[in-house]
Amino acid sequence: MNVLIIEDEKPSARRLQRMLDTLGVQAEMMLHSVEEAIAWFSENKHPDLIFLDIQLSDGLSFEIFDVIDVKSSIIFTTAFDEYALKAFKLNSIDYLLKPIDEEELEAAVKKYKTLKPAQQNVQLNFEDIKKLLVNPVEREYKKRFTTKIGQHIKMISVDEIECFYSENKGTYAHTVDGRDYLLDTTLENLEEELSPKIFFRISRKFYVNINAIQDIISYTNSRLQLKLNSYKEQEVIVARERVKDFKLWLE
């Protein structure tokens, strides 16, 4: 199987290459930009499978396919919201949400080997997803959460929440008035419930509200430290693998 990685962050590309190697999949070629990919496809035989990052340094990777009629199957690597991801699923093209999980990568490779989608289906997805990125599907997100306090149930508006965080196997909401409430949910479940325009998961431990960010400070190991309006209990750090997506989210 001939495999190509198109990813603008070279450390991420090398990490994916190593992960594939453990699965017995050799990805000997890596490209890092739209321009580089167009030039390469113009002069080389197209691979069987491409691991394709949507957001490259010089534009969206879909621009490659406006110029080149690519004859390959695609597994996307992306940090885009779930409205776009649903389009991949509907047409049997897989995706990996960054940071890439080893088990999800293995499942995606197995899915490719089983399905090997035809090029016409791939092209249909490009057009569908480009439309979704320009005109995203409107959907409803949670407007409030509930928590039990003694014999009472308190409702907490999402607008009042500065951040969500995990601690001692519990998930908490920290509100603008400095209070912390234990919720009956997990950070993973919140991915389906929070608006990606307002909330961003900066690490395995934190979701933050964009309106609660008071300051952003450079931190060790290429990370960022956030100062929130009222949350002071512990450092709020953007994980290194999330920094690029976090900066895009801020724009």
Protein backbone atom coordinates (compact mmCIF):
# COMPACT_ATOMS: atom_id res chain seq x y z
CA MET A 1 0.00 0.00 0.00
CA ASN A 2 1.42 3.36 -1.11
CA VAL A 3 0.64 6.04 1.51
CA LEU A 4 1.15 9.81 1.52
CA ILE A 5 0.86 12.25 4.45
CA ILE A 6 -0.09 15.89 3.77
CA GLU A 7 0.33 17.85 7.00
CA ASP A 8 1.79 21.33 7.47
CA GLU A 9 3.12 20.69 10.99
CA LYS A 10 6.22 18.55 10.50
CA PRO A 11 6.29 17.16 14.08
CA SER A 12 2.66 16.05 13.66
CA ALA A 13 3.49 14.47 10.30
CA ARG A 14 6.42 12.56 11.77
CA ARG A 15 4.30 11.41 14.72
CA LEU A 16 1.63 10.11 12.35
CA GLN A 17 4.31 8.40 10.29
CA ARG A 18 5.61 6.60 13.39
CA MET A 19 2.10 5.61 14.44
CA LEU A 20 1.43 4.14 11.00
CA ASP A 21 4.73 2.30 11.10
CA THR A 22 3.59 0.43 14.23
CA LEU A 23 0.56 -0.71 12.22
CA GLY A 24 2.76 -2.02 9.42
CA VAL A 25 1.81 0.86 7.11
CA GLN A 26 4.71 2.68 5.46
CA ALA A 27 4.24 6.38 4.66
CA GLU A 28 7.52 7.30 3.00
CA MET A 29 6.41 10.63 1.51
CA MET A 30 5.26 13.70 3.44
CA LEU A 31 4.09 17.02 1.97
CA HIS A 32 3.42 20.21 3.91
CA SER A 33 1.54 22.76 1.79
CA VAL A 34 -1.01 23.17 -1.00
CA GLU A 35 1.66 24.43 -3.39
CA GLU A 36 4.03 21.56 -2.64
CA ALA A 37 1.25 18.99 -3.02
CA ILE A 38 0.10 20.33 -6.40
CA ALA A 39 3.67 20.20 -7.71
CA TRP A 40 4.18 16.66 -6.39
CA PHE A 41 0.91 15.27 -7.78
CA SER A 42 1.72 16.78 -11.18
CA GLU A 43 4.88 14.69 -11.45
CA ASN A 44 4.27 11.49 -9.48
CA LYS A 45 2.00 8.47 -9.44
CA HIS A 46 -0.88 9.04 -7.06
CA PRO A 47 -0.78 6.95 -3.87
CA ASP A 48 -3.38 4.44 -2.74
CA LEU A 49 -4.17 6.39 0.41
CA ILE A 50 -3.65 9.98 1.62
CA PHE A 51 -3.75 11.21 5.21
CA LEU A 52 -4.87 14.76 4.59
CA ASP A 53 -4.91 17.72 6.98
CA ILE A 54 -7.67 20.16 6.00
CA GLN A 55 -5.95 23.35 7.17
CA LEU A 56 -2.49 23.73 5.60
CA SER A 57 -0.07 26.62 6.00
CA ASP A 58 -1.03 28.20 2.66
CA GLY A 59 -4.75 27.40 2.53
CA LEU A 60 -7.37 24.66 2.71
CA SER A 61 -6.21 21.35 1.28
CA PHE A 62 -9.34 21.27 -0.91
CA GLU A 63 -7.53 23.73 -3.16
CA ILE A 64 -5.30 20.84 -4.27
CA PHE A 65 -8.28 19.11 -5.82
CA ASP A 66 -9.37 22.22 -7.68
CA VAL A 67 -6.18 21.77 -9.72
CA ILE A 68 -5.39 18.05 -9.58
CA ASP A 69 -7.73 15.12 -10.27
CA VAL A 70 -6.45 12.97 -7.42
CA LYS A 71 -6.93 9.22 -7.82
CA SER A 72 -6.53 8.30 -4.17
CA SER A 73 -8.60 7.39 -1.15
CA ILE A 74 -8.56 9.93 1.68
CA ILE A 75 -8.47 9.76 5.47
CA PHE A 76 -8.80 13.30 6.78
CA THR A 77 -6.96 14.60 9.83
CA THR A 78 -8.81 17.61 11.15
CA ALA A 79 -9.78 19.81 14.04
CA PHE A 80 -12.95 21.11 12.35
CA ASP A 81 -16.31 20.94 14.07
CA GLU A 82 -18.66 17.99 13.98
CA TYR A 83 -20.99 19.49 11.34
CA ALA A 84 -18.28 18.87 8.75
CA LEU A 85 -17.29 15.53 10.21
CA LYS A 86 -20.79 14.17 9.68
CA ALA A 87 -20.36 14.63 5.95
CA PHE A 88 -17.32 12.36 6.00
CA LYS A 89 -19.24 9.63 7.79
CA LEU A 90 -22.24 9.78 5.48
CA ASN A 91 -20.09 9.02 2.45
CA SER A 92 -17.82 6.40 4.04
CA ILE A 93 -14.69 8.56 4.08
CA ASP A 94 -13.05 8.40 7.47
CA TYR A 95 -11.50 11.18 9.52
CA LEU A 96 -9.21 11.49 12.52
CA LEU A 97 -9.79 14.28 15.00
CA LYS A 98 -6.59 15.86 16.28
CA PRO A 99 -4.72 14.99 18.39
CA ILE A 100 -4.80 11.60 16.68
CA ASP A 101 -5.58 8.61 18.88
CA GLU A 102 -3.75 5.33 18.20
CA GLU A 103 -6.88 3.18 18.37
CA GLU A 104 -8.83 5.52 16.09
CA LEU A 105 -5.96 5.49 13.60
CA GLU A 106 -5.92 1.70 13.57
CA ALA A 107 -9.70 1.61 13.05
CA ALA A 108 -9.44 4.11 10.18
CA VAL A 109 -6.78 2.04 8.41
CA LYS A 110 -8.90 -1.09 8.80
CA LYS A 111 -11.90 0.79 7.42
CA TYR A 112 -9.90 1.88 4.38
CA LYS A 113 -8.75 -1.67 3.69
CA THR A 114 -12.36 -2.86 3.88
CA LEU A 115 -14.07 -0.11 1.90
CA LYS A 116 -11.51 1.47 -0.44
CA PRO A 117 -14.01 4.14 -1.58
CA ALA A 118 -14.18 5.01 -5.25
CA GLN A 119 -12.83 8.35 -6.47
CA GLN A 120 -16.26 9.65 -7.44
CA ASN A 121 -17.37 9.35 -3.82
CA VAL A 122 -14.26 11.18 -2.69
CA GLN A 123 -14.95 14.06 -5.03
CA LEU A 124 -18.56 14.26 -3.85
CA ASN A 125 -17.32 14.65 -0.29
CA PHE A 126 -14.98 17.48 -1.21
CA GLU A 127 -17.84 19.46 -2.69
CA ASP A 128 -20.22 18.67 0.19
CA ILE A 129 -17.71 19.57 2.87
CA LYS A 130 -16.59 22.78 1.18
CA LYS A 131 -20.22 23.90 1.18
CA LEU A 132 -20.55 23.02 4.85
CA LEU A 133 -17.41 24.95 5.74
CA VAL A 134 -18.78 28.04 4.01
CA ASN A 135 -22.39 27.58 5.14
CA PRO A 136 -22.29 25.44 8.27
CA VAL A 137 -25.40 23.59 9.33
CA GLU A 138 -27.09 25.38 12.20
CA ARG A 139 -27.64 23.21 15.23
CA GLU A 140 -28.79 23.61 18.79
CA TYR A 141 -26.30 23.41 21.64
CA LYS A 142 -27.00 23.13 25.35
CA LYS A 143 -28.19 26.36 26.91
CA ARG A 144 -28.04 25.22 30.53
CA PHE A 145 -26.75 22.50 32.82
CA THR A 146 -28.23 21.19 36.07
CA THR A 147 -26.54 20.19 39.30
CA LYS A 148 -27.90 18.81 42.56
CA ILE A 149 -27.28 20.86 45.70
CA GLY A 150 -28.66 19.02 48.73
CA GLN A 151 -32.32 18.38 47.97
CA HIS A 152 -32.40 21.08 45.30
CA ILE A 153 -31.61 21.10 41.59
CA LYS A 154 -29.87 24.24 40.36
CA MET A 155 -29.91 25.36 36.74
CA ILE A 156 -26.73 26.98 35.37
CA SER A 157 -26.86 28.98 32.15
CA VAL A 158 -24.02 28.21 29.72
CA ASP A 159 -23.43 31.98 29.45
CA GLU A 160 -22.49 32.00 33.15
CA ILE A 161 -19.79 29.32 32.78
CA GLU A 162 -16.16 30.41 32.41
CA CYS A 163 -14.72 26.95 32.05
CA PHE A 164 -15.29 23.25 32.56
CA TYR A 165 -12.57 21.17 34.17
CA SER A 166 -11.96 17.66 35.45
CA GLU A 167 -10.63 16.93 38.92
CA ASN A 168 -10.54 13.74 40.99
CA LYS A 169 -12.61 11.92 38.35
CA GLY A 170 -15.32 14.58 38.49
CA THR A 171 -16.34 17.23 35.93
CA TYR A 172 -16.96 20.75 37.21
CA ALA A 173 -18.37 23.99 35.83
CA HIS A 174 -16.76 27.19 37.08
CA THR A 175 -19.08 30.19 36.85
CA VAL A 176 -18.44 33.92 36.47
CA ASP A 177 -19.29 34.48 40.15
CA GLY A 178 -16.43 32.21 41.21
CA ARG A 179 -18.46 29.12 42.13
CA ASP A 180 -17.73 25.52 41.16
CA TYR A 181 -20.47 22.97 40.48
CA LEU A 182 -20.09 19.21 40.06
CA LEU A 183 -21.86 18.00 36.91
CA ASP A 184 -23.13 14.57 35.96
CA THR A 185 -21.21 14.42 32.67
CA THR A 186 -17.68 14.12 31.25
CA LEU A 187 -15.49 16.42 29.18
CA GLU A 188 -15.86 13.96 26.30
CA ASN A 189 -19.66 14.31 26.39
CA LEU A 190 -19.34 18.09 26.35
CA GLU A 191 -17.92 17.93 22.82
CA GLU A 192 -21.43 17.25 21.51
CA GLU A 193 -23.12 19.78 23.81
CA LEU A 194 -21.07 23.00 23.61
CA SER A 195 -20.93 25.53 20.79
CA PRO A 196 -17.43 25.36 19.22
CA LYS A 197 -17.64 29.10 18.59
CA ILE A 198 -17.75 29.77 22.34
CA PHE A 199 -15.97 26.84 24.00
CA PHE A 200 -12.66 25.18 23.14
CA ARG A 201 -11.01 22.15 24.70
CA ILE A 202 -7.49 23.35 25.41
CA SER A 203 -6.32 20.10 27.05
CA ARG A 204 -7.55 16.81 28.42
CA LYS A 205 -8.49 18.70 31.56
CA PHE A 206 -10.08 22.01 30.46
CA TYR A 207 -12.76 23.55 28.25
CA VAL A 208 -12.67 27.36 28.24
CA ASN A 209 -15.19 30.04 27.28
CA ILE A 210 -13.68 32.54 24.83
CA ASN A 211 -15.40 35.38 26.69
CA ALA A 212 -13.65 34.41 29.94
CA ILE A 213 -10.09 34.74 28.62
CA GLN A 214 -8.42 37.74 30.24
CA ASP A 215 -4.84 37.16 29.06
CA ILE A 216 -2.77 34.71 26.97
CA ILE A 217 0.87 34.17 27.94
CA SER A 218 3.67 32.19 26.29
CA TYR A 219 4.54 29.17 28.41
CA THR A 220 7.20 26.45 28.49
CA ASN A 221 7.47 23.76 25.77
CA SER A 222 5.64 25.87 23.17
CA ARG A 223 2.46 25.93 25.26
CA LEU A 224 0.23 28.84 26.26
CA GLN A 225 -1.07 29.86 29.66
CA LEU A 226 -4.50 31.43 29.97
CA LYS A 227 -5.65 33.86 32.63
CA LEU A 228 -9.42 33.67 33.10
CA ASN A 229 -11.61 36.31 34.69
CA SER A 230 -12.34 34.50 37.94
CA TYR A 231 -10.91 30.96 37.84
CA LYS A 232 -7.70 30.98 39.93
CA GLU A 233 -7.53 27.48 41.46
CA GLN A 234 -4.85 26.07 39.13
CA GLU A 235 -2.90 26.93 35.99
CA VAL A 236 -4.93 26.85 32.78
CA ILE A 237 -2.55 25.59 30.09
CA VAL A 238 -3.16 25.05 26.37
CA ALA A 239 -1.57 21.72 25.48
CA ARG A 240 1.19 21.96 22.89
CA GLU A 241 -0.70 19.84 20.33
CA ARG A 242 -3.72 22.14 20.70
CA VAL A 243 -1.92 25.50 20.36
CA LYS A 244 -2.29 25.82 16.58
CA ASP A 245 -6.01 24.98 16.62
CA PHE A 246 -6.52 27.26 19.61
CA LYS A 247 -5.02 30.21 17.72
CA LEU A 248 -7.24 29.48 14.73
CA TRP A 249 -10.25 29.33 17.06
CA LEU A 250 -9.43 32.80 18.39
CA GLU A 251 -9.56 34.39 14.93
